Amino acid sequence: RIEGGHTITIEDIPDGIRDGEGKKSYSLRSALESYEKTLIMDALRKNGWNITRASHMLGITRRGLQKKMKRLGIRGANNGSH
């Protein structure tokens, strides 16, 4: 389980990992970043791209979410690059 009581299921794992593609080039770090980005994008969409509400849903601070978004290259809904 991850923070907030969510359970990771097979559907949460990126297709490339689940299907066994790219085993040699797919590190744990990149897999975790991919999953983290998926969770953040989902929370942002579910909350109409409201960062405060999305951060509450994820159980992190607003500033923490902003830092993660910057690190993962996620821009706001109006900035065009998700």
N, C-alpha and C. Protein backbone atom coordinates (compact mmCIF):
# COMPACT_ATOMS: atom_id res chain seq x y z
N ARG A 1 0.83 -1.19 0.00
CA ARG A 1 0.00 0.00 0.00
C ARG A 1 0.87 1.24 0.00
N ILE A 2 0.33 2.27 -0.62
CA ILE A 2 1.04 3.54 -0.63
C ILE A 2 0.28 4.53 0.24
N GLU A 3 0.88 5.68 0.44
CA GLU A 3 0.28 6.70 1.29
C GLU A 3 -1.15 6.96 0.86
N GLY A 4 -2.04 7.12 1.82
CA GLY A 4 -3.44 7.36 1.52
C GLY A 4 -4.24 6.08 1.42
N GLY A 5 -3.61 4.92 1.64
CA GLY A 5 -4.32 3.65 1.64
C GLY A 5 -4.58 3.05 0.27
N HIS A 6 -4.03 3.64 -0.78
CA HIS A 6 -4.23 3.10 -2.11
C HIS A 6 -3.38 1.84 -2.29
N THR A 7 -3.93 0.86 -2.95
CA THR A 7 -3.21 -0.38 -3.24
C THR A 7 -2.80 -0.38 -4.70
N ILE A 8 -1.56 -0.72 -4.97
CA ILE A 8 -1.07 -0.80 -6.34
C ILE A 8 -1.56 -2.11 -6.95
N THR A 9 -2.19 -2.01 -8.12
CA THR A 9 -2.66 -3.19 -8.83
C THR A 9 -1.89 -3.32 -10.14
N ILE A 10 -2.07 -4.42 -10.83
CA ILE A 10 -1.36 -4.66 -12.09
C ILE A 10 -1.70 -3.59 -13.12
N GLU A 11 -2.91 -3.05 -13.07
CA GLU A 11 -3.31 -2.00 -14.00
C GLU A 11 -2.52 -0.71 -13.79
N ASP A 12 -1.96 -0.53 -12.60
CA ASP A 12 -1.19 0.67 -12.28
C ASP A 12 0.23 0.62 -12.83
N ILE A 13 0.69 -0.56 -13.19
CA ILE A 13 2.05 -0.74 -13.69
C ILE A 13 2.08 -0.36 -15.17
N PRO A 14 3.03 0.48 -15.60
CA PRO A 14 3.11 0.85 -17.01
C PRO A 14 3.21 -0.38 -17.91
N ASP A 15 2.58 -0.28 -19.10
CA ASP A 15 2.53 -1.40 -20.03
C ASP A 15 3.90 -1.98 -20.35
N GLY A 16 4.90 -1.13 -20.54
CA GLY A 16 6.23 -1.61 -20.88
C GLY A 16 6.82 -2.53 -19.84
N ILE A 17 6.52 -2.29 -18.58
CA ILE A 17 7.01 -3.15 -17.50
C ILE A 17 6.15 -4.40 -17.41
N ARG A 18 4.84 -4.19 -17.43
CA ARG A 18 3.90 -5.30 -17.28
C ARG A 18 4.09 -6.32 -18.40
N ASP A 19 4.35 -5.84 -19.62
CA ASP A 19 4.50 -6.74 -20.76
C ASP A 19 5.91 -7.29 -20.92
N GLY A 20 6.82 -6.82 -20.06
CA GLY A 20 8.19 -7.32 -20.11
C GLY A 20 9.05 -6.65 -21.17
N GLU A 21 8.56 -5.57 -21.78
CA GLU A 21 9.34 -4.87 -22.79
C GLU A 21 10.40 -4.02 -22.12
N GLY A 22 11.55 -3.93 -22.74
CA GLY A 22 12.59 -3.04 -22.24
C GLY A 22 13.12 -3.39 -20.87
N LYS A 23 13.17 -4.66 -20.56
CA LYS A 23 13.61 -5.07 -19.22
C LYS A 23 14.99 -4.52 -18.86
N LYS A 24 15.89 -4.53 -19.81
CA LYS A 24 17.26 -4.14 -19.52
C LYS A 24 17.41 -2.64 -19.29
N SER A 25 16.58 -1.83 -19.96
CA SER A 25 16.75 -0.39 -19.86
C SER A 25 15.77 0.26 -18.87
N TYR A 26 14.93 -0.52 -18.23
CA TYR A 26 13.93 0.04 -17.33
C TYR A 26 14.39 -0.14 -15.89
N SER A 27 14.85 0.94 -15.30
CA SER A 27 15.35 0.86 -13.93
C SER A 27 14.21 1.06 -12.94
N LEU A 28 14.45 0.70 -11.70
CA LEU A 28 13.46 0.91 -10.65
C LEU A 28 13.14 2.39 -10.54
N ARG A 29 14.16 3.23 -10.63
CA ARG A 29 13.95 4.68 -10.52
C ARG A 29 12.99 5.17 -11.61
N SER A 30 13.21 4.76 -12.85
CA SER A 30 12.34 5.22 -13.93
C SER A 30 10.93 4.64 -13.80
N ALA A 31 10.83 3.41 -13.30
CA ALA A 31 9.51 2.81 -13.09
C ALA A 31 8.74 3.58 -12.02
N LEU A 32 9.42 3.93 -10.93
CA LEU A 32 8.77 4.68 -9.86
C LEU A 32 8.38 6.08 -10.33
N GLU A 33 9.23 6.72 -11.11
CA GLU A 33 8.90 8.05 -11.64
C GLU A 33 7.69 7.98 -12.56
N SER A 34 7.63 6.95 -13.37
CA SER A 34 6.51 6.77 -14.28
C SER A 34 5.21 6.58 -13.49
N TYR A 35 5.27 5.76 -12.46
CA TYR A 35 4.09 5.52 -11.64
C TYR A 35 3.69 6.78 -10.88
N GLU A 36 4.68 7.49 -10.34
CA GLU A 36 4.41 8.73 -9.61
C GLU A 36 3.74 9.75 -10.54
N LYS A 37 4.24 9.86 -11.76
CA LYS A 37 3.66 10.80 -12.72
C LYS A 37 2.22 10.41 -13.04
N THR A 38 1.96 9.12 -13.20
CA THR A 38 0.61 8.64 -13.46
C THR A 38 -0.33 9.01 -12.32
N LEU A 39 0.10 8.79 -11.08
CA LEU A 39 -0.73 9.13 -9.92
C LEU A 39 -1.00 10.62 -9.85
N ILE A 40 0.01 11.42 -10.07
CA ILE A 40 -0.14 12.88 -10.01
C ILE A 40 -1.08 13.36 -11.11
N MET A 41 -0.89 12.87 -12.33
CA MET A 41 -1.75 13.28 -13.44
C MET A 41 -3.20 12.90 -13.16
N ASP A 42 -3.42 11.73 -12.61
CA ASP A 42 -4.77 11.28 -12.28
C ASP A 42 -5.40 12.19 -11.23
N ALA A 43 -4.64 12.52 -10.18
CA ALA A 43 -5.15 13.40 -9.13
C ALA A 43 -5.46 14.79 -9.68
N LEU A 44 -4.59 15.30 -10.54
CA LEU A 44 -4.83 16.62 -11.13
C LEU A 44 -6.08 16.62 -12.00
N ARG A 45 -6.24 15.60 -12.81
CA ARG A 45 -7.43 15.53 -13.67
C ARG A 45 -8.70 15.42 -12.83
N LYS A 46 -8.67 14.56 -11.82
CA LYS A 46 -9.86 14.37 -10.98
C LYS A 46 -10.23 15.63 -10.21
N ASN A 47 -9.28 16.52 -10.03
CA ASN A 47 -9.52 17.74 -9.26
C ASN A 47 -9.49 18.98 -10.14
N GLY A 48 -9.76 18.81 -11.42
CA GLY A 48 -9.83 19.93 -12.34
C GLY A 48 -8.56 20.75 -12.41
N TRP A 49 -7.42 20.11 -12.24
CA TRP A 49 -6.10 20.73 -12.26
C TRP A 49 -5.91 21.73 -11.12
N ASN A 50 -6.68 21.56 -10.04
CA ASN A 50 -6.50 22.38 -8.85
C ASN A 50 -5.40 21.73 -8.01
N ILE A 51 -4.27 22.40 -7.92
CA ILE A 51 -3.10 21.83 -7.26
C ILE A 51 -3.34 21.61 -5.77
N THR A 52 -4.03 22.52 -5.12
CA THR A 52 -4.30 22.36 -3.68
C THR A 52 -5.13 21.12 -3.42
N ARG A 53 -6.22 20.95 -4.18
CA ARG A 53 -7.09 19.78 -3.97
C ARG A 53 -6.37 18.49 -4.35
N ALA A 54 -5.60 18.53 -5.43
CA ALA A 54 -4.85 17.33 -5.85
C ALA A 54 -3.82 16.94 -4.79
N SER A 55 -3.16 17.94 -4.20
CA SER A 55 -2.16 17.63 -3.16
C SER A 55 -2.83 17.00 -1.95
N HIS A 56 -4.02 17.47 -1.59
CA HIS A 56 -4.75 16.87 -0.47
C HIS A 56 -5.10 15.42 -0.79
N MET A 57 -5.55 15.18 -2.02
CA MET A 57 -5.90 13.82 -2.44
C MET A 57 -4.70 12.89 -2.35
N LEU A 58 -3.52 13.41 -2.69
CA LEU A 58 -2.30 12.61 -2.68
C LEU A 58 -1.65 12.52 -1.30
N GLY A 59 -2.12 13.34 -0.36
CA GLY A 59 -1.56 13.31 0.99
C GLY A 59 -0.21 13.99 1.11
N ILE A 60 0.03 14.99 0.25
CA ILE A 60 1.28 15.75 0.30
C ILE A 60 0.95 17.24 0.33
N THR A 61 1.95 18.05 0.62
CA THR A 61 1.73 19.49 0.64
C THR A 61 1.61 20.03 -0.78
N ARG A 62 1.00 21.20 -0.88
CA ARG A 62 0.88 21.87 -2.18
C ARG A 62 2.26 22.12 -2.77
N ARG A 63 3.17 22.59 -1.94
CA ARG A 63 4.54 22.87 -2.39
C ARG A 63 5.24 21.57 -2.83
N GLY A 64 5.01 20.49 -2.08
CA GLY A 64 5.58 19.20 -2.45
C GLY A 64 5.09 18.74 -3.81
N LEU A 65 3.81 18.94 -4.07
CA LEU A 65 3.26 18.56 -5.37
C LEU A 65 3.85 19.43 -6.48
N GLN A 66 4.00 20.71 -6.22
CA GLN A 66 4.60 21.60 -7.22
C GLN A 66 6.03 21.17 -7.55
N LYS A 67 6.79 20.79 -6.55
CA LYS A 67 8.16 20.33 -6.79
C LYS A 67 8.18 19.06 -7.62
N LYS A 68 7.28 18.12 -7.29
CA LYS A 68 7.21 16.87 -8.05
C LYS A 68 6.78 17.14 -9.49
N MET A 69 5.82 18.04 -9.67
CA MET A 69 5.37 18.38 -11.02
C MET A 69 6.52 18.96 -11.84
N LYS A 70 7.31 19.83 -11.24
CA LYS A 70 8.45 20.42 -11.94
C LYS A 70 9.47 19.35 -12.30
N ARG A 71 9.79 18.48 -11.33
CA ARG A 71 10.78 17.42 -11.56
C ARG A 71 10.33 16.45 -12.66
N LEU A 72 9.02 16.18 -12.72
CA LEU A 72 8.49 15.21 -13.67
C LEU A 72 8.05 15.85 -14.99
N GLY A 73 8.21 17.17 -15.10
CA GLY A 73 7.84 17.85 -16.34
C GLY A 73 6.35 17.99 -16.56
N ILE A 74 5.59 18.07 -15.47
CA ILE A 74 4.14 18.23 -15.56
C ILE A 74 3.83 19.71 -15.40
N ARG A 75 3.19 20.28 -16.40
CA ARG A 75 2.78 21.68 -16.33
C ARG A 75 1.29 21.75 -16.13
N GLY A 76 0.80 22.88 -15.70
CA GLY A 76 -0.63 23.07 -15.49
C GLY A 76 -1.44 22.84 -16.75
N ALA A 77 -2.73 22.63 -16.60
CA ALA A 77 -3.62 22.34 -17.72
C ALA A 77 -3.55 23.39 -18.81
N ASN A 78 -3.32 24.64 -18.45
CA ASN A 78 -3.29 25.72 -19.43
C ASN A 78 -1.93 25.88 -20.10
N ASN A 79 -0.92 25.18 -19.61
CA ASN A 79 0.43 25.32 -20.17
C ASN A 79 0.73 24.32 -21.28
N GLY A 80 -0.18 23.38 -21.49
CA GLY A 80 -0.08 22.51 -22.65
C GLY A 80 0.79 21.27 -22.57
N SER A 81 1.72 21.17 -21.67
CA SER A 81 2.61 20.00 -21.63
C SER A 81 2.34 19.17 -20.39
N HIS A 82 1.66 18.05 -20.57
CA HIS A 82 1.41 17.17 -19.42
C HIS A 82 2.18 15.92 -19.66
